[in-house]
C-alpha atoms as a PDB file:
ATOM      1  CA  UNK A   1      57.532  28.888   5.549  1.00  0.00           C
ATOM      2  CA  UNK A   2      55.125  31.979   6.130  1.00  0.00           C
ATOM      3  CA  UNK A   3      54.019  31.453   2.881  1.00  0.00           C
ATOM      4  CA  UNK A   4      52.836  28.147   3.522  1.00  0.00           C
ATOM      5  CA  UNK A   5      51.453  28.881   7.236  1.00  0.00           C
ATOM      6  CA  UNK A   6      48.945  31.442   5.817  1.00  0.00           C
ATOM      7  CA  UNK A   7      48.061  29.096   2.559  1.00  0.00           C
ATOM      8  CA  UNK A   8      46.727  26.052   4.911  1.00  0.00           C
ATOM      9  CA  UNK A   9      45.153  28.733   7.656  1.00  0.00           C
ATOM     10  CA  UNK A  10      43.412  30.073   4.010  1.00  0.00           C
ATOM     11  CA  UNK A  11      41.696  26.609   2.693  1.00  0.00           C
ATOM     12  CA  UNK A  12      39.855  23.787   4.733  1.00  0.00           C
ATOM     13  CA  UNK A  13      39.610  20.634   2.640  1.00  0.00           C
ATOM     14  CA  UNK A  14      42.916  18.454   1.632  1.00  0.00           C
ATOM     15  CA  UNK A  15      43.018  14.860  -0.482  1.00  0.00           C
ATOM     16  CA  UNK A  16      44.634  12.764   2.181  1.00  0.00           C
ATOM     17  CA  UNK A  17      46.368   9.616   0.379  1.00  0.00           C
ATOM     18  CA  UNK A  18      47.670   6.725   2.390  1.00  0.00           C
ATOM     19  CA  UNK A  19      48.512   3.102   2.007  1.00  0.00           C
ATOM     20  CA  UNK A  20      47.262  -0.482   3.023  1.00  0.00           C
ATOM     21  CA  UNK A  21      47.685  -4.288   2.531  1.00  0.00           C
ATOM     22  CA  UNK A  22      43.949  -3.443   0.130  1.00  0.00           C
ATOM     23  CA  UNK A  23      46.429  -0.583  -2.243  1.00  0.00           C
ATOM     24  CA  UNK A  24      46.673   2.821  -2.684  1.00  0.00           C
ATOM     25  CA  UNK A  25      43.013   5.200  -0.839  1.00  0.00           C
ATOM     26  CA  UNK A  26      42.718   9.035  -1.220  1.00  0.00           C
ATOM     27  CA  UNK A  27      39.967  11.065   0.530  1.00  0.00           C
ATOM     28  CA  UNK A  28      38.901  14.589   0.936  1.00  0.00           C
ATOM     29  CA  UNK A  29      38.777  15.871   4.039  1.00  0.00           C
ATOM     30  CA  UNK A  30      38.276  19.343   5.883  1.00  0.00           C
ATOM     31  CA  UNK A  31      40.900  20.038   8.406  1.00  0.00           C
ATOM     32  CA  UNK A  32      41.877  22.631  10.918  1.00  0.00           C
ATOM     33  CA  UNK A  33      45.406  24.115  11.215  1.00  0.00           C
ATOM     34  CA  UNK A  34      46.475  24.728  14.612  1.00  0.00           C
ATOM     35  CA  UNK A  35      48.006  27.550  15.465  1.00  0.00           C
ATOM     36  CA  UNK A  36      51.914  27.110  14.474  1.00  0.00           C
ATOM     37  CA  UNK A  37      50.296  24.842  11.769  1.00  0.00           C
ATOM     38  CA  UNK A  38      52.793  21.706  13.137  1.00  0.00           C
ATOM     39  CA  UNK A  39      49.363  19.824  11.910  1.00  0.00           C
ATOM     40  CA  UNK A  40      46.029  19.562  10.628  1.00  0.00           C
ATOM     41  CA  UNK A  41      43.052  18.083  11.994  1.00  0.00           C
ATOM     42  CA  UNK A  42      40.482  16.187  10.578  1.00  0.00           C
ATOM     43  CA  UNK A  43      37.635  13.729  11.142  1.00  0.00           C
ATOM     44  CA  UNK A  44      36.960  10.277   9.624  1.00  0.00           C
ATOM     45  CA  UNK A  45      35.684   7.278  10.585  1.00  0.00           C
ATOM     46  CA  UNK A  46      37.527   4.358  11.109  1.00  0.00           C
ATOM     47  CA  UNK A  47      35.853   1.851   9.343  1.00  0.00           C
ATOM     48  CA  UNK A  48      37.752   3.898   5.548  1.00  0.00           C
ATOM     49  CA  UNK A  49      39.708   2.403   3.845  1.00  0.00           C
ATOM     50  CA  UNK A  50      42.443   5.675   4.323  1.00  0.00           C
ATOM     51  CA  UNK A  51      42.341   5.010   7.794  1.00  0.00           C
ATOM     52  CA  UNK A  52      42.434   1.728   7.745  1.00  0.00           C
ATOM     53  CA  UNK A  53      45.615   1.814   5.445  1.00  0.00           C
ATOM     54  CA  UNK A  54      46.907   3.538   8.392  1.00  0.00           C
ATOM     55  CA  UNK A  55      47.003   0.266  10.598  1.00  0.00           C
ATOM     56  CA  UNK A  56      49.884  -0.789   8.250  1.00  0.00           C
ATOM     57  CA  UNK A  57      51.581   2.641   7.039  1.00  0.00           C
ATOM     58  CA  UNK A  58      51.415   5.501   9.023  1.00  0.00           C
ATOM     59  CA  UNK A  59      52.889   7.785   6.738  1.00  0.00           C
ATOM     60  CA  UNK A  60      50.805   9.827   4.325  1.00  0.00           C
ATOM     61  CA  UNK A  61      50.493  12.656   1.955  1.00  0.00           C
ATOM     62  CA  UNK A  62      47.724  15.297   0.904  1.00  0.00           C
ATOM     63  CA  UNK A  63      47.382  18.312  -1.022  1.00  0.00           C
ATOM     64  CA  UNK A  64      45.192  21.268  -0.988  1.00  0.00           C
ATOM     65  CA  UNK A  65      44.975  23.477  -3.775  1.00  0.00           C
ATOM     66  CA  UNK A  66      43.208  26.341  -5.709  1.00  0.00           C
ATOM     67  CA  UNK A  67      40.771  25.461  -8.653  1.00  0.00           C
ATOM     68  CA  UNK A  68      42.347  26.747 -12.052  1.00  0.00           C
ATOM     69  CA  UNK A  69      42.261  26.116 -15.665  1.00  0.00           C
ATOM     70  CA  UNK A  70      45.163  27.612 -16.225  1.00  0.00           C
ATOM     71  CA  UNK A  71      48.964  26.873 -15.734  1.00  0.00           C
ATOM     72  CA  UNK A  72      49.556  30.779 -14.449  1.00  0.00           C
ATOM     73  CA  UNK A  73      46.859  30.321 -11.802  1.00  0.00           C
ATOM     74  CA  UNK A  74      47.916  26.393 -10.362  1.00  0.00           C
ATOM     75  CA  UNK A  75      48.777  27.090  -6.985  1.00  0.00           C
ATOM     76  CA  UNK A  76      48.922  24.663  -4.151  1.00  0.00           C
ATOM     77  CA  UNK A  77      50.475  22.638  -1.499  1.00  0.00           C
ATOM     78  CA  UNK A  78      51.801  19.192  -1.333  1.00  0.00           C
ATOM     79  CA  UNK A  79      52.494  17.925   2.332  1.00  0.00           C
ATOM     80  CA  UNK A  80      54.027  15.104   3.663  1.00  0.00           C
ATOM     81  CA  UNK A  81      54.161  13.760   7.486  1.00  0.00           C
ATOM     82  CA  UNK A  82      52.034  10.832  10.056  1.00  0.00           C
ATOM     83  CA  UNK A  83      48.757  10.985  10.949  1.00  0.00           C
ATOM     84  CA  UNK A  84      47.840   9.590  14.380  1.00  0.00           C
ATOM     85  CA  UNK A  85      44.362   9.739  17.182  1.00  0.00           C
ATOM     86  CA  UNK A  86      43.980  13.120  17.687  1.00  0.00           C
ATOM     87  CA  UNK A  87      43.801  14.488  21.689  1.00  0.00           C
ATOM     88  CA  UNK A  88      40.651  15.391  23.282  1.00  0.00           C
ATOM     89  CA  UNK A  89      41.755  18.977  23.834  1.00  0.00           C
ATOM     90  CA  UNK A  90      42.313  18.835  19.794  1.00  0.00           C
ATOM     91  CA  UNK A  91      38.757  19.429  19.183  1.00  0.00           C
ATOM     92  CA  UNK A  92      38.251  22.603  20.475  1.00  0.00           C
ATOM     93  CA  UNK A  93      40.643  23.888  17.606  1.00  0.00           C
ATOM     94  CA  UNK A  94      38.451  21.969  14.626  1.00  0.00           C
ATOM     95  CA  UNK A  95      35.312  23.521  16.232  1.00  0.00           C
ATOM     96  CA  UNK A  96      37.637  26.717  16.483  1.00  0.00           C
ATOM     97  CA  UNK A  97      36.786  26.291  12.258  1.00  0.00           C
ATOM     98  CA  UNK A  98      33.717  24.499  12.025  1.00  0.00           C
ATOM     99  CA  UNK A  99      32.027  25.973  14.581  1.00  0.00           C
ATOM    100  CA  UNK A 100      28.173  24.804  12.833  1.00  0.00           C
ATOM    101  CA  UNK A 101      28.967  21.187  13.184  1.00  0.00           C
ATOM    102  CA  UNK A 102      27.995  21.002  16.963  1.00  0.00           C
ATOM    103  CA  UNK A 103      25.048  23.599  15.734  1.00  0.00           C
ATOM    104  CA  UNK A 104      23.490  21.320  12.999  1.00  0.00           C
ATOM    105  CA  UNK A 105      21.942  17.798  14.348  1.00  0.00           C
ATOM    106  CA  UNK A 106      22.721  15.971  11.604  1.00  0.00           C
ATOM    107  CA  UNK A 107      26.559  16.709  11.435  1.00  0.00           C
ATOM    108  CA  UNK A 108      26.826  16.712  15.938  1.00  0.00           C
ATOM    109  CA  UNK A 109      25.052  13.291  15.426  1.00  0.00           C
ATOM    110  CA  UNK A 110      27.265  11.755  13.125  1.00  0.00           C
ATOM    111  CA  UNK A 111      29.970  13.236  15.776  1.00  0.00           C
ATOM    112  CA  UNK A 112      29.823   9.852  17.507  1.00  0.00           C
ATOM    113  CA  UNK A 113      30.285   7.928  13.974  1.00  0.00           C
ATOM    114  CA  UNK A 114      34.220   9.795  13.502  1.00  0.00           C
ATOM    115  CA  UNK A 115      37.299  10.071  15.573  1.00  0.00           C
ATOM    116  CA  UNK A 116      39.427  13.165  15.643  1.00  0.00           C
ATOM    117  CA  UNK A 117      42.735  12.370  13.727  1.00  0.00           C
ATOM    118  CA  UNK A 118      45.703  15.080  12.970  1.00  0.00           C
ATOM    119  CA  UNK A 119      48.552  15.370  10.167  1.00  0.00           C
ATOM    120  CA  UNK A 120      51.955  15.752  11.744  1.00  0.00           C
ATOM    121  CA  UNK A 121      53.671  17.693   8.496  1.00  0.00           C
ATOM    122  CA  UNK A 122      56.879  16.513   8.031  1.00  0.00           C
ATOM    123  CA  UNK A 123      57.123  18.317   5.051  1.00  0.00           C
ATOM    124  CA  UNK A 124      56.168  20.759   2.510  1.00  0.00           C
ATOM    125  CA  UNK A 125      56.228  21.837  -0.828  1.00  0.00           C
ATOM    126  CA  UNK A 126      54.522  25.595  -1.798  1.00  0.00           C
ATOM    127  CA  UNK A 127      53.676  24.952  -6.018  1.00  0.00           C
ATOM    128  CA  UNK A 128      52.265  29.064  -6.359  1.00  0.00           C
ATOM    129  CA  UNK A 129      52.876  29.227 -10.902  1.00  0.00           C
ATOM    130  CA  UNK A 130      51.604  32.929 -10.478  1.00  0.00           C
ATOM    131  CA  UNK A 131      55.363  33.598  -9.580  1.00  0.00           C
ATOM    132  CA  UNK A 132      56.774  31.189 -13.284  1.00  0.00           C
ATOM    133  CA  UNK A 133      55.862  28.287 -14.562  1.00  0.00           C
ATOM    134  CA  UNK A 134      57.078  25.852 -11.752  1.00  0.00           C
ATOM    135  CA  UNK A 135      58.217  28.131  -8.787  1.00  0.00           C
ATOM    136  CA  UNK A 136      57.847  25.670  -5.575  1.00  0.00           C
ATOM    137  CA  UNK A 137      58.785  26.272  -2.042  1.00  0.00           C
ATOM    138  CA  UNK A 138      60.355  23.487   0.293  1.00  0.00           C
ATOM    139  CA  UNK A 139      60.724  23.333   4.092  1.00  0.00           C
ATOM    140  CA  UNK A 140      61.318  20.094   6.397  1.00  0.00           C
ATOM    141  CA  UNK A 141      59.142  20.710   9.575  1.00  0.00           C
END
């Protein structure tokens, strides 16, 4: 489990996949992890398709991965869970990882159009081909 937590702390972008009335949707979002890494925080427009899908189904999946062109260096995390609105005090956690958002006028103004969400992790699979082809560790949260 420590390897999963460290991986979450070392990265900042996940691709979130949701499903709704119009079908599936995926979007890359910046995330901030909690100390316990039990949930990830991200901002998104409540009008975006991937968030609108949550009105039908809160279960979703996400991936976080390194770039690479050779199978020996494939490393990434697959996670499953649910998404819900975050608490107001979770903004402090988000801004700790991304302080420049508050300092940048364009970005801080855009915060008026988005909500803070939390991805509550229920399951994770860490893939690490540097330890052998198809090497994986799975965890239930």
